[in-house]
Amino acid sequence: MESHVSIIGIIVENLDSTDKLNELLHEYANFIIGRMGLPYHKKNVNIISIALDAPADVINTLSGKIGMLDGISSKVVFSNK
């Protein structure tokens, strides 16, 4: 199956959901290239970007699972290559 380079952008507004988020990211760790997290105290949110190299269905499944967590939203950007 063809793999794609992508980024999942994540906004965390409910810190109580971070344990479940981290469990999901651990489950998909073999597809993750890197991760960057930024706390934004002024707005009381955390901003996370996850770089992946994975099949499109894996990327979309992970983003969907993340987006179903309470107080967490996610969007995917795919590379053209």
PDB file of N, CA and C in Angstrom:
ATOM      1  N   MET A   1       0.841  -1.175   0.000  1.00  0.00           N
ATOM      2  CA  MET A   1       0.000   0.000   0.000  1.00  0.00           C
ATOM      3  C   MET A   1       0.893   1.247   0.000  1.00  0.00           C
ATOM      4  N   GLU A   2       0.534   2.237  -0.809  1.00  0.00           N
ATOM      5  CA  GLU A   2       1.332   3.455  -0.951  1.00  0.00           C
ATOM      6  C   GLU A   2       1.264   4.308   0.318  1.00  0.00           C
ATOM      7  N   SER A   3       2.428   4.795   0.744  1.00  0.00           N
ATOM      8  CA  SER A   3       2.437   5.651   1.925  1.00  0.00           C
ATOM      9  C   SER A   3       2.525   7.115   1.507  1.00  0.00           C
ATOM     10  N   HIS A   4       2.064   7.979   2.387  1.00  0.00           N
ATOM     11  CA  HIS A   4       2.021   9.412   2.146  1.00  0.00           C
ATOM     12  C   HIS A   4       2.656  10.140   3.320  1.00  0.00           C
ATOM     13  N   VAL A   5       3.316  11.240   3.027  1.00  0.00           N
ATOM     14  CA  VAL A   5       3.816  12.108   4.084  1.00  0.00           C
ATOM     15  C   VAL A   5       2.700  13.088   4.402  1.00  0.00           C
ATOM     16  N   SER A   6       2.433  13.282   5.676  1.00  0.00           N
ATOM     17  CA  SER A   6       1.348  14.168   6.080  1.00  0.00           C
ATOM     18  C   SER A   6       1.634  14.767   7.444  1.00  0.00           C
ATOM     19  N   ILE A   7       0.825  15.740   7.782  1.00  0.00           N
ATOM     20  CA  ILE A   7       0.856  16.341   9.119  1.00  0.00           C
ATOM     21  C   ILE A   7      -0.564  16.335   9.656  1.00  0.00           C
ATOM     22  N   ILE A   8      -0.697  15.912  10.905  1.00  0.00           N
ATOM     23  CA  ILE A   8      -1.968  16.053  11.602  1.00  0.00           C
ATOM     24  C   ILE A   8      -1.795  17.214  12.574  1.00  0.00           C
ATOM     25  N   GLY A   9      -2.625  18.241  12.414  1.00  0.00           N
ATOM     26  CA  GLY A   9      -2.649  19.359  13.345  1.00  0.00           C
ATOM     27  C   GLY A   9      -3.692  19.085  14.416  1.00  0.00           C
ATOM     28  N   ILE A  10      -3.303  19.240  15.673  1.00  0.00           N
ATOM     29  CA  ILE A  10      -4.179  18.900  16.791  1.00  0.00           C
ATOM     30  C   ILE A  10      -4.271  20.100  17.734  1.00  0.00           C
ATOM     31  N   ILE A  11      -5.497  20.440  18.146  1.00  0.00           N
ATOM     32  CA  ILE A  11      -5.725  21.458  19.169  1.00  0.00           C
ATOM     33  C   ILE A  11      -6.361  20.762  20.368  1.00  0.00           C
ATOM     34  N   VAL A  12      -5.710  20.895  21.509  1.00  0.00           N
ATOM     35  CA  VAL A  12      -6.206  20.284  22.745  1.00  0.00           C
ATOM     36  C   VAL A  12      -6.786  21.385  23.628  1.00  0.00           C
ATOM     37  N   GLU A  13      -8.097  21.313  23.862  1.00  0.00           N
ATOM     38  CA  GLU A  13      -8.769  22.262  24.741  1.00  0.00           C
ATOM     39  C   GLU A  13      -9.172  21.620  26.072  1.00  0.00           C
ATOM     40  N   ASN A  14      -9.168  20.298  26.122  1.00  0.00           N
ATOM     41  CA  ASN A  14      -9.526  19.572  27.340  1.00  0.00           C
ATOM     42  C   ASN A  14      -8.341  18.702  27.752  1.00  0.00           C
ATOM     43  N   LEU A  15      -7.599  19.152  28.746  1.00  0.00           N
ATOM     44  CA  LEU A  15      -6.405  18.415  29.174  1.00  0.00           C
ATOM     45  C   LEU A  15      -6.729  17.049  29.759  1.00  0.00           C
ATOM     46  N   ASP A  16      -7.974  16.831  30.158  1.00  0.00           N
ATOM     47  CA  ASP A  16      -8.361  15.521  30.687  1.00  0.00           C
ATOM     48  C   ASP A  16      -8.314  14.427  29.607  1.00  0.00           C
ATOM     49  N   SER A  17      -8.296  14.815  28.346  1.00  0.00           N
ATOM     50  CA  SER A  17      -8.266  13.843  27.245  1.00  0.00           C
ATOM     51  C   SER A  17      -6.856  13.527  26.760  1.00  0.00           C
ATOM     52  N   THR A  18      -5.837  14.132  27.354  1.00  0.00           N
ATOM     53  CA  THR A  18      -4.473  13.938  26.849  1.00  0.00           C
ATOM     54  C   THR A  18      -3.958  12.517  27.045  1.00  0.00           C
ATOM     55  N   ASP A  19      -4.378  11.834  28.096  1.00  0.00           N
ATOM     56  CA  ASP A  19      -3.942  10.442  28.279  1.00  0.00           C
ATOM     57  C   ASP A  19      -4.428   9.571  27.123  1.00  0.00           C
ATOM     58  N   LYS A  20      -5.688   9.749  26.727  1.00  0.00           N
ATOM     59  CA  LYS A  20      -6.232   8.974  25.613  1.00  0.00           C
ATOM     60  C   LYS A  20      -5.536   9.359  24.305  1.00  0.00           C
ATOM     61  N   LEU A  21      -5.229  10.640  24.132  1.00  0.00           N
ATOM     62  CA  LEU A  21      -4.505  11.091  22.946  1.00  0.00           C
ATOM     63  C   LEU A  21      -3.133  10.424  22.882  1.00  0.00           C
ATOM     64  N   ASN A  22      -2.416  10.429  23.983  1.00  0.00           N
ATOM     65  CA  ASN A  22      -1.086   9.816  24.013  1.00  0.00           C
ATOM     66  C   ASN A  22      -1.143   8.312  23.763  1.00  0.00           C
ATOM     67  N   GLU A  23      -2.192   7.644  24.243  1.00  0.00           N
ATOM     68  CA  GLU A  23      -2.366   6.214  23.966  1.00  0.00           C
ATOM     69  C   GLU A  23      -2.533   5.973  22.464  1.00  0.00           C
ATOM     70  N   LEU A  24      -3.334   6.819  21.815  1.00  0.00           N
ATOM     71  CA  LEU A  24      -3.523   6.686  20.366  1.00  0.00           C
ATOM     72  C   LEU A  24      -2.214   6.913  19.612  1.00  0.00           C
ATOM     73  N   LEU A  25      -1.475   7.944  20.000  1.00  0.00           N
ATOM     74  CA  LEU A  25      -0.220   8.230  19.328  1.00  0.00           C
ATOM     75  C   LEU A  25       0.774   7.097  19.533  1.00  0.00           C
ATOM     76  N   HIS A  26       0.773   6.495  20.705  1.00  0.00           N
ATOM     77  CA  HIS A  26       1.649   5.342  20.961  1.00  0.00           C
ATOM     78  C   HIS A  26       1.252   4.159  20.075  1.00  0.00           C
ATOM     79  N   GLU A  27      -0.044   3.970  19.890  1.00  0.00           N
ATOM     80  CA  GLU A  27      -0.555   2.875  19.061  1.00  0.00           C
ATOM     81  C   GLU A  27      -0.084   3.018  17.599  1.00  0.00           C
ATOM     82  N   TYR A  28       0.068   4.243  17.132  1.00  0.00           N
ATOM     83  CA  TYR A  28       0.473   4.509  15.751  1.00  0.00           C
ATOM     84  C   TYR A  28       1.929   4.960  15.658  1.00  0.00           C
ATOM     85  N   ALA A  29       2.726   4.695  16.664  1.00  0.00           N
ATOM     86  CA  ALA A  29       4.104   5.199  16.754  1.00  0.00           C
ATOM     87  C   ALA A  29       4.980   4.785  15.577  1.00  0.00           C
ATOM     88  N   ASN A  30       4.746   3.611  15.009  1.00  0.00           N
ATOM     89  CA  ASN A  30       5.598   3.156  13.910  1.00  0.00           C
ATOM     90  C   ASN A  30       5.404   3.974  12.632  1.00  0.00           C
ATOM     91  N   PHE A  31       4.354   4.802  12.551  1.00  0.00           N
ATOM     92  CA  PHE A  31       4.116   5.665  11.399  1.00  0.00           C
ATOM     93  C   PHE A  31       4.549   7.107  11.656  1.00  0.00           C
ATOM     94  N   ILE A  32       4.846   7.447  12.898  1.00  0.00           N
ATOM     95  CA  ILE A  32       5.144   8.831  13.268  1.00  0.00           C
ATOM     96  C   ILE A  32       6.610   9.151  13.015  1.00  0.00           C
ATOM     97  N   ILE A  33       6.834  10.209  12.235  1.00  0.00           N
ATOM     98  CA  ILE A  33       8.186  10.693  11.958  1.00  0.00           C
ATOM     99  C   ILE A  33       8.655  11.593  13.100  1.00  0.00           C
ATOM    100  N   GLY A  34       7.775  12.466  13.559  1.00  0.00           N
ATOM    101  CA  GLY A  34       8.121  13.392  14.630  1.00  0.00           C
ATOM    102  C   GLY A  34       6.888  14.066  15.192  1.00  0.00           C
ATOM    103  N   ARG A  35       7.096  14.733  16.315  1.00  0.00           N
ATOM    104  CA  ARG A  35       5.985  15.358  17.039  1.00  0.00           C
ATOM    105  C   ARG A  35       6.484  16.647  17.657  1.00  0.00           C
ATOM    106  N   MET A  36       5.657  17.702  17.584  1.00  0.00           N
ATOM    107  CA  MET A  36       5.989  18.959  18.232  1.00  0.00           C
ATOM    108  C   MET A  36       4.746  19.456  18.966  1.00  0.00           C
ATOM    109  N   GLY A  37       4.917  19.808  20.211  1.00  0.00           N
ATOM    110  CA  GLY A  37       3.811  20.333  20.995  1.00  0.00           C
ATOM    111  C   GLY A  37       4.141  21.692  21.574  1.00  0.00           C
ATOM    112  N   LEU A  38       3.158  22.576  21.521  1.00  0.00           N
ATOM    113  CA  LEU A  38       3.327  23.931  22.036  1.00  0.00           C
ATOM    114  C   LEU A  38       2.170  24.277  22.961  1.00  0.00           C
ATOM    115  N   PRO A  39       2.467  24.558  24.227  1.00  0.00           N
ATOM    116  CA  PRO A  39       1.397  25.055  25.092  1.00  0.00           C
ATOM    117  C   PRO A  39       1.168  26.541  24.805  1.00  0.00           C
ATOM    118  N   TYR A  40      -0.081  26.933  24.674  1.00  0.00           N
ATOM    119  CA  TYR A  40      -0.416  28.339  24.461  1.00  0.00           C
ATOM    120  C   TYR A  40      -1.254  28.781  25.654  1.00  0.00           C
ATOM    121  N   HIS A  41      -0.554  29.240  26.690  1.00  0.00           N
ATOM    122  CA  HIS A  41      -1.193  29.553  27.972  1.00  0.00           C
ATOM    123  C   HIS A  41      -2.197  30.698  27.864  1.00  0.00           C
ATOM    124  N   LYS A  42      -1.948  31.643  26.976  1.00  0.00           N
ATOM    125  CA  LYS A  42      -2.842  32.799  26.833  1.00  0.00           C
ATOM    126  C   LYS A  42      -4.263  32.369  26.488  1.00  0.00           C
ATOM    127  N   LYS A  43      -4.401  31.332  25.660  1.00  0.00           N
ATOM    128  CA  LYS A  43      -5.719  30.831  25.251  1.00  0.00           C
ATOM    129  C   LYS A  43      -6.081  29.512  25.940  1.00  0.00           C
ATOM    130  N   ASN A  44      -5.201  29.017  26.808  1.00  0.00           N
ATOM    131  CA  ASN A  44      -5.426  27.774  27.554  1.00  0.00           C
ATOM    132  C   ASN A  44      -5.666  26.577  26.624  1.00  0.00           C
ATOM    133  N   VAL A  45      -4.839  26.476  25.574  1.00  0.00           N
ATOM    134  CA  VAL A  45      -4.895  25.333  24.659  1.00  0.00           C
ATOM    135  C   VAL A  45      -3.479  24.822  24.423  1.00  0.00           C
ATOM    136  N   ASN A  46      -3.390  23.629  23.907  1.00  0.00           N
ATOM    137  CA  ASN A  46      -2.123  23.057  23.469  1.00  0.00           C
ATOM    138  C   ASN A  46      -2.235  22.764  21.980  1.00  0.00           C
ATOM    139  N   ILE A  47      -1.164  23.072  21.259  1.00  0.00           N
ATOM    140  CA  ILE A  47      -1.118  22.879  19.816  1.00  0.00           C
ATOM    141  C   ILE A  47      -0.072  21.808  19.533  1.00  0.00           C
ATOM    142  N   ILE A  48      -0.479  20.760  18.827  1.00  0.00           N
ATOM    143  CA  ILE A  48       0.417  19.640  18.547  1.00  0.00           C
ATOM    144  C   ILE A  48       0.413  19.380  17.050  1.00  0.00           C
ATOM    145  N   SER A  49       1.587  19.155  16.490  1.00  0.00           N
ATOM    146  CA  SER A  49       1.659  18.705  15.097  1.00  0.00           C
ATOM    147  C   SER A  49       2.394  17.372  15.064  1.00  0.00           C
ATOM    148  N   ILE A  50       1.838  16.446  14.303  1.00  0.00           N
ATOM    149  CA  ILE A  50       2.382  15.104  14.170  1.00  0.00           C
ATOM    150  C   ILE A  50       2.723  14.880  12.698  1.00  0.00           C
ATOM    151  N   ALA A  51       3.989  14.616  12.400  1.00  0.00           N
ATOM    152  CA  ALA A  51       4.405  14.287  11.035  1.00  0.00           C
ATOM    153  C   ALA A  51       4.376  12.774  10.874  1.00  0.00           C
ATOM    154  N   LEU A  52       3.771  12.302   9.783  1.00  0.00           N
ATOM    155  CA  LEU A  52       3.596  10.874   9.556  1.00  0.00           C
ATOM    156  C   LEU A  52       4.045  10.463   8.162  1.00  0.00           C
ATOM    157  N   ASP A  53       4.401   9.206   8.035  1.00  0.00           N
ATOM    158  CA  ASP A  53       4.604   8.551   6.742  1.00  0.00           C
ATOM    159  C   ASP A  53       3.827   7.248   6.830  1.00  0.00           C
ATOM    160  N   ALA A  54       2.636   7.226   6.196  1.00  0.00           N
ATOM    161  CA  ALA A  54       1.729   6.094   6.364  1.00  0.00           C
ATOM    162  C   ALA A  54       0.746   6.054   5.200  1.00  0.00           C
ATOM    163  N   PRO A  55       0.063   4.918   5.020  1.00  0.00           N
ATOM    164  CA  PRO A  55      -1.018   4.864   4.037  1.00  0.00           C
ATOM    165  C   PRO A  55      -2.130   5.853   4.409  1.00  0.00           C
ATOM    166  N   ALA A  56      -2.816   6.362   3.400  1.00  0.00           N
ATOM    167  CA  ALA A  56      -3.854   7.370   3.624  1.00  0.00           C
ATOM    168  C   ALA A  56      -4.938   6.892   4.586  1.00  0.00           C
ATOM    169  N   ASP A  57      -5.331   5.624   4.501  1.00  0.00           N
ATOM    170  CA  ASP A  57      -6.384   5.148   5.399  1.00  0.00           C
ATOM    171  C   ASP A  57      -5.930   5.124   6.851  1.00  0.00           C
ATOM    172  N   VAL A  58      -4.657   4.855   7.093  1.00  0.00           N
ATOM    173  CA  VAL A  58      -4.115   4.875   8.464  1.00  0.00           C
ATOM    174  C   VAL A  58      -4.119   6.304   9.002  1.00  0.00           C
ATOM    175  N   ILE A  59      -3.688   7.248   8.162  1.00  0.00           N
ATOM    176  CA  ILE A  59      -3.646   8.654   8.570  1.00  0.00           C
ATOM    177  C   ILE A  59      -5.049   9.159   8.886  1.00  0.00           C
ATOM    178  N   ASN A  60      -5.989   8.877   8.000  1.00  0.00           N
ATOM    179  CA  ASN A  60      -7.363   9.334   8.213  1.00  0.00           C
ATOM    180  C   ASN A  60      -8.017   8.675   9.415  1.00  0.00           C
ATOM    181  N   THR A  61      -7.714   7.403   9.635  1.00  0.00           N
ATOM    182  CA  THR A  61      -8.255   6.707  10.809  1.00  0.00           C
ATOM    183  C   THR A  61      -7.726   7.326  12.094  1.00  0.00           C
ATOM    184  N   LEU A  62      -6.421   7.582  12.154  1.00  0.00           N
ATOM    185  CA  LEU A  62      -5.842   8.192  13.344  1.00  0.00           C
ATOM    186  C   LEU A  62      -6.436   9.566  13.580  1.00  0.00           C
ATOM    187  N   SER A  63      -6.518  10.394  12.550  1.00  0.00           N
ATOM    188  CA  SER A  63      -7.078  11.734  12.707  1.00  0.00           C
ATOM    189  C   SER A  63      -8.533  11.670  13.177  1.00  0.00           C
ATOM    190  N   GLY A  64      -9.294  10.738  12.637  1.00  0.00           N
ATOM    191  CA  GLY A  64     -10.688  10.575  13.055  1.00  0.00           C
ATOM    192  C   GLY A  64     -10.818  10.172  14.508  1.00  0.00           C
ATOM    193  N   LYS A  65      -9.974   9.247  14.939  1.00  0.00           N
ATOM    194  CA  LYS A  65      -9.995   8.813  16.346  1.00  0.00           C
ATOM    195  C   LYS A  65      -9.614   9.960  17.266  1.00  0.00           C
ATOM    196  N   ILE A  66      -8.621  10.756  16.850  1.00  0.00           N
ATOM    197  CA  ILE A  66      -8.204  11.911  17.655  1.00  0.00           C
ATOM    198  C   ILE A  66      -9.350  12.909  17.755  1.00  0.00           C
ATOM    199  N   GLY A  67      -9.996  13.175  16.625  1.00  0.00           N
ATOM    200  CA  GLY A  67     -11.087  14.141  16.596  1.00  0.00           C
ATOM    201  C   GLY A  67     -12.305  13.738  17.402  1.00  0.00           C
ATOM    202  N   MET A  68     -12.440  12.448  17.705  1.00  0.00           N
ATOM    203  CA  MET A  68     -13.566  11.980  18.511  1.00  0.00           C
ATOM    204  C   MET A  68     -13.318  12.137  20.010  1.00  0.00           C
ATOM    205  N   LEU A  69     -12.089  12.462  20.403  1.00  0.00           N
ATOM    206  CA  LEU A  69     -11.796  12.660  21.825  1.00  0.00           C
ATOM    207  C   LEU A  69     -12.416  13.968  22.285  1.00  0.00           C
ATOM    208  N   ASP A  70     -12.893  13.988  23.514  1.00  0.00           N
ATOM    209  CA  ASP A  70     -13.558  15.161  24.073  1.00  0.00           C
ATOM    210  C   ASP A  70     -12.593  16.340  24.172  1.00  0.00           C
ATOM    211  N   GLY A  71     -12.961  17.461  23.553  1.00  0.00           N
ATOM    212  CA  GLY A  71     -12.158  18.669  23.662  1.00  0.00           C
ATOM    213  C   GLY A  71     -10.896  18.676  22.820  1.00  0.00           C
ATOM    214  N   ILE A  72     -10.819  17.788  21.828  1.00  0.00           N
ATOM    215  CA  ILE A  72      -9.652  17.730  20.949  1.00  0.00           C
ATOM    216  C   ILE A  72     -10.137  17.736  19.502  1.00  0.00           C
ATOM    217  N   SER A  73      -9.513  18.561  18.677  1.00  0.00           N
ATOM    218  CA  SER A  73      -9.854  18.587  17.257  1.00  0.00           C
ATOM    219  C   SER A  73      -8.594  18.330  16.439  1.00  0.00           C
ATOM    220  N   SER A  74      -8.778  17.808  15.222  1.00  0.00           N
ATOM    221  CA  SER A  74      -7.632  17.494  14.373  1.00  0.00           C
ATOM    222  C   SER A  74      -7.984  17.683  12.903  1.00  0.00           C
ATOM    223  N   LYS A  75      -6.954  18.005  12.135  1.00  0.00           N
ATOM    224  CA  LYS A  75      -7.068  18.137  10.679  1.00  0.00           C
ATOM    225  C   LYS A  75      -5.798  17.573  10.055  1.00  0.00           C
ATOM    226  N   VAL A  76      -5.930  17.059   8.838  1.00  0.00           N
ATOM    227  CA  VAL A  76      -4.793  16.439   8.135  1.00  0.00           C
ATOM    228  C   VAL A  76      -4.430  17.283   6.920  1.00  0.00           C
ATOM    229  N   VAL A  77      -3.124  17.392   6.690  1.00  0.00           N
ATOM    230  CA  VAL A  77      -2.601  17.980   5.455  1.00  0.00           C
ATOM    231  C   VAL A  77      -1.686  16.930   4.825  1.00  0.00           C
ATOM    232  N   PHE A  78      -1.979  16.585   3.561  1.00  0.00           N
ATOM    233  CA  PHE A  78      -1.187  15.592   2.838  1.00  0.00           C
ATOM    234  C   PHE A  78      -0.179  16.269   1.915  1.00  0.00           C
ATOM    235  N   SER A  79       0.995  15.667   1.799  1.00  0.00           N
ATOM    236  CA  SER A  79       1.977  16.087   0.817  1.00  0.00           C
ATOM    237  C   SER A  79       1.482  15.680  -0.578  1.00  0.00           C
ATOM    238  N   ASN A  80       1.926  16.399  -1.583  1.00  0.00           N
ATOM    239  CA  ASN A  80       1.574  16.041  -2.960  1.00  0.00           C
ATOM    240  C   ASN A  80       2.435  14.906  -3.492  1.00  0.00           C
ATOM    241  N   LYS A  81       3.461  14.509  -2.758  1.00  0.00           N
ATOM    242  CA  LYS A  81       4.377  13.450  -3.211  1.00  0.00           C
ATOM    243  C   LYS A  81       4.031  12.138  -2.560  1.00  0.00           C
TER     244      LYS A  81
END
